[in-house]
């Protein structure tokens, strides 16, 4: 029986994620405000296996470049 070579998908570069505290420091707001923005849909959050929110650095820097506050949802 001939073995087939294993096919590997190249690893996608992982996007840098930020904690609510890091995002809050960038916007100069309280971390609870960042959590409220995520709950209301103003910014997207990724949940860790432990249930903690993380935010894509690319999205946060884009929002800051566009005016500094997430748009109303």
N, C-alpha and C. Protein backbone atom coordinates (compact mmCIF):
# COMPACT_ATOMS: atom_id res chain seq x y z
N UNK A 1 0.84 -1.17 0.00
CA UNK A 1 0.00 0.00 0.00
C UNK A 1 0.88 1.24 0.00
N UNK A 2 0.65 2.08 -0.97
CA UNK A 2 1.46 3.28 -1.12
C UNK A 2 0.87 4.42 -0.28
N UNK A 3 1.71 5.14 0.43
CA UNK A 3 1.19 6.25 1.23
C UNK A 3 1.17 7.53 0.39
N UNK A 4 0.14 8.28 0.57
CA UNK A 4 -0.01 9.54 -0.14
C UNK A 4 0.69 10.63 0.68
N UNK A 5 1.45 11.48 0.00
CA UNK A 5 2.09 12.56 0.76
C UNK A 5 1.03 13.45 1.41
N UNK A 6 1.31 13.86 2.61
CA UNK A 6 0.36 14.69 3.34
C UNK A 6 0.34 16.09 2.75
N UNK A 7 -0.86 16.59 2.52
CA UNK A 7 -1.00 17.94 2.00
C UNK A 7 -1.16 18.90 3.16
N UNK A 8 -0.39 19.93 3.13
CA UNK A 8 -0.47 20.94 4.19
C UNK A 8 -0.90 22.26 3.60
N UNK A 9 -1.82 22.88 4.26
CA UNK A 9 -2.25 24.22 3.86
C UNK A 9 -1.30 25.19 4.56
N UNK A 10 -0.74 26.12 3.80
CA UNK A 10 0.17 27.07 4.46
C UNK A 10 -0.57 27.85 5.55
N UNK A 11 0.13 28.06 6.64
CA UNK A 11 -0.47 28.80 7.74
C UNK A 11 -0.75 30.23 7.31
N UNK A 12 -1.98 30.68 7.59
CA UNK A 12 -2.31 32.06 7.30
C UNK A 12 -1.68 32.92 8.39
N UNK A 13 -1.21 34.11 8.01
CA UNK A 13 -0.65 34.96 9.04
C UNK A 13 -1.74 35.35 10.03
N UNK A 14 -1.44 35.20 11.29
CA UNK A 14 -2.44 35.52 12.31
C UNK A 14 -2.47 37.02 12.54
N UNK A 15 -3.68 37.55 12.59
CA UNK A 15 -3.84 38.97 12.83
C UNK A 15 -3.61 39.28 14.30
N UNK A 16 -2.98 40.41 14.54
CA UNK A 16 -2.71 40.80 15.92
C UNK A 16 -4.02 41.20 16.60
N UNK A 17 -4.21 40.68 17.81
CA UNK A 17 -5.43 40.97 18.57
C UNK A 17 -5.08 41.83 19.78
N UNK A 18 -6.04 42.67 20.17
CA UNK A 18 -5.85 43.57 21.30
C UNK A 18 -6.87 43.26 22.39
N UNK A 19 -6.48 43.51 23.63
CA UNK A 19 -7.39 43.35 24.76
C UNK A 19 -8.26 44.60 24.88
N UNK A 20 -9.37 44.50 25.61
CA UNK A 20 -10.18 45.70 25.84
C UNK A 20 -9.39 46.85 26.48
N UNK A 21 -8.47 46.53 27.35
CA UNK A 21 -7.65 47.58 27.99
C UNK A 21 -6.75 48.28 26.98
N UNK A 22 -6.18 47.51 26.06
CA UNK A 22 -5.32 48.10 25.04
C UNK A 22 -6.11 49.00 24.10
N UNK A 23 -7.31 48.54 23.72
CA UNK A 23 -8.17 49.35 22.86
C UNK A 23 -8.60 50.62 23.60
N UNK A 24 -8.95 50.48 24.86
CA UNK A 24 -9.37 51.63 25.67
C UNK A 24 -8.26 52.68 25.75
N UNK A 25 -7.03 52.24 25.89
CA UNK A 25 -5.91 53.18 25.96
C UNK A 25 -5.76 53.93 24.63
N UNK A 26 -6.01 53.25 23.52
CA UNK A 26 -5.88 53.88 22.21
C UNK A 26 -6.96 54.94 21.99
N UNK A 27 -8.17 54.68 22.50
CA UNK A 27 -9.28 55.63 22.34
C UNK A 27 -9.39 56.61 23.50
N UNK A 28 -8.59 56.37 24.54
CA UNK A 28 -8.63 57.17 25.77
C UNK A 28 -10.02 57.12 26.42
N UNK A 29 -10.51 55.88 26.56
CA UNK A 29 -11.79 55.65 27.23
C UNK A 29 -11.60 54.53 28.25
N UNK A 30 -12.63 54.28 29.03
CA UNK A 30 -12.61 53.20 30.00
C UNK A 30 -12.78 51.85 29.28
N UNK A 31 -12.14 50.79 29.74
CA UNK A 31 -12.32 49.47 29.12
C UNK A 31 -13.78 49.02 29.06
N UNK A 32 -14.59 49.42 30.02
CA UNK A 32 -16.02 49.07 30.00
C UNK A 32 -16.72 49.70 28.79
N UNK A 33 -16.26 50.87 28.38
CA UNK A 33 -16.81 51.52 27.19
C UNK A 33 -16.53 50.68 25.96
N UNK A 34 -15.34 50.13 25.86
CA UNK A 34 -14.98 49.26 24.73
C UNK A 34 -15.88 48.03 24.73
N UNK A 35 -16.14 47.47 25.89
CA UNK A 35 -17.03 46.31 26.00
C UNK A 35 -18.44 46.67 25.55
N UNK A 36 -18.91 47.85 25.93
CA UNK A 36 -20.24 48.30 25.49
C UNK A 36 -20.30 48.47 23.98
N UNK A 37 -19.23 49.04 23.39
CA UNK A 37 -19.17 49.19 21.93
C UNK A 37 -19.26 47.83 21.26
N UNK A 38 -18.58 46.85 21.82
CA UNK A 38 -18.61 45.50 21.23
C UNK A 38 -20.00 44.89 21.35
N UNK A 39 -20.62 45.03 22.51
CA UNK A 39 -21.96 44.47 22.71
C UNK A 39 -22.99 45.11 21.78
N UNK A 40 -22.82 46.41 21.50
CA UNK A 40 -23.79 47.12 20.66
C UNK A 40 -23.49 46.97 19.17
N UNK A 41 -22.34 46.35 18.84
CA UNK A 41 -22.01 46.13 17.44
C UNK A 41 -21.21 47.24 16.79
N UNK A 42 -20.78 48.23 17.55
CA UNK A 42 -19.99 49.33 16.98
C UNK A 42 -18.62 48.85 16.53
N UNK A 43 -18.06 47.90 17.25
CA UNK A 43 -16.79 47.27 16.86
C UNK A 43 -16.96 45.76 17.00
N UNK A 44 -16.25 45.03 16.17
CA UNK A 44 -16.38 43.57 16.24
C UNK A 44 -15.37 43.00 17.22
N UNK A 45 -15.80 41.97 17.90
CA UNK A 45 -14.94 41.32 18.89
C UNK A 45 -14.85 39.83 18.58
N UNK A 46 -13.73 39.27 18.94
CA UNK A 46 -13.52 37.83 18.84
C UNK A 46 -13.50 37.31 20.27
N UNK A 47 -14.15 36.20 20.51
CA UNK A 47 -14.14 35.61 21.85
C UNK A 47 -13.07 34.53 21.94
N UNK A 48 -12.30 34.57 23.01
CA UNK A 48 -11.31 33.53 23.24
C UNK A 48 -12.03 32.29 23.77
N UNK A 49 -11.31 31.19 23.88
CA UNK A 49 -11.90 29.98 24.44
C UNK A 49 -12.39 30.21 25.87
N UNK A 50 -11.74 31.13 26.57
CA UNK A 50 -12.14 31.45 27.94
C UNK A 50 -13.26 32.46 28.02
N UNK A 51 -13.74 32.95 26.86
CA UNK A 51 -14.85 33.89 26.85
C UNK A 51 -14.45 35.36 26.88
N UNK A 52 -13.17 35.65 26.80
CA UNK A 52 -12.71 37.03 26.83
C UNK A 52 -12.79 37.65 25.44
N UNK A 53 -13.03 38.94 25.40
CA UNK A 53 -13.10 39.63 24.11
C UNK A 53 -11.71 40.06 23.66
N UNK A 54 -11.47 39.92 22.36
CA UNK A 54 -10.26 40.43 21.73
C UNK A 54 -10.68 41.17 20.47
N UNK A 55 -9.90 42.17 20.10
CA UNK A 55 -10.25 43.04 18.99
C UNK A 55 -9.13 43.05 17.96
N UNK A 56 -9.52 43.06 16.68
CA UNK A 56 -8.52 43.08 15.60
C UNK A 56 -7.83 44.43 15.56
N UNK A 57 -6.51 44.40 15.62
CA UNK A 57 -5.74 45.64 15.61
C UNK A 57 -6.00 46.43 14.33
N UNK A 58 -6.14 45.72 13.19
CA UNK A 58 -6.36 46.41 11.92
C UNK A 58 -7.66 47.21 11.93
N UNK A 59 -8.71 46.65 12.53
CA UNK A 59 -9.99 47.36 12.60
C UNK A 59 -9.88 48.58 13.50
N UNK A 60 -9.22 48.41 14.63
CA UNK A 60 -9.10 49.52 15.59
C UNK A 60 -8.28 50.66 15.00
N UNK A 61 -7.16 50.34 14.35
CA UNK A 61 -6.34 51.41 13.76
C UNK A 61 -7.08 52.09 12.61
N UNK A 62 -7.91 51.34 11.86
CA UNK A 62 -8.70 51.94 10.78
C UNK A 62 -9.71 52.93 11.35
N UNK A 63 -10.39 52.54 12.43
CA UNK A 63 -11.37 53.42 13.07
C UNK A 63 -10.69 54.69 13.57
N UNK A 64 -9.54 54.53 14.19
CA UNK A 64 -8.81 55.69 14.69
C UNK A 64 -8.41 56.62 13.54
N UNK A 65 -7.98 56.04 12.41
CA UNK A 65 -7.57 56.85 11.27
C UNK A 65 -8.75 57.58 10.63
N UNK A 66 -9.94 56.99 10.76
CA UNK A 66 -11.14 57.59 10.15
C UNK A 66 -11.81 58.65 11.01
N UNK A 67 -11.35 58.84 12.20
CA UNK A 67 -11.97 59.87 13.01
C UNK A 67 -11.92 59.65 14.50
N UNK A 68 -11.52 58.49 14.92
CA UNK A 68 -11.27 58.30 16.33
C UNK A 68 -12.38 57.73 17.18
N UNK A 69 -13.57 57.48 16.63
CA UNK A 69 -14.61 56.85 17.45
C UNK A 69 -15.42 55.91 16.57
N UNK A 70 -15.79 54.76 17.11
CA UNK A 70 -16.58 53.82 16.30
C UNK A 70 -17.87 54.48 15.83
N UNK A 71 -18.31 54.18 14.63
CA UNK A 71 -19.54 54.77 14.13
C UNK A 71 -20.75 54.25 14.91
N UNK A 72 -21.80 55.05 15.00
CA UNK A 72 -23.00 54.55 15.69
C UNK A 72 -23.58 53.37 14.93
N UNK A 73 -24.15 52.46 15.68
CA UNK A 73 -24.71 51.26 15.01
C UNK A 73 -26.21 51.32 15.03
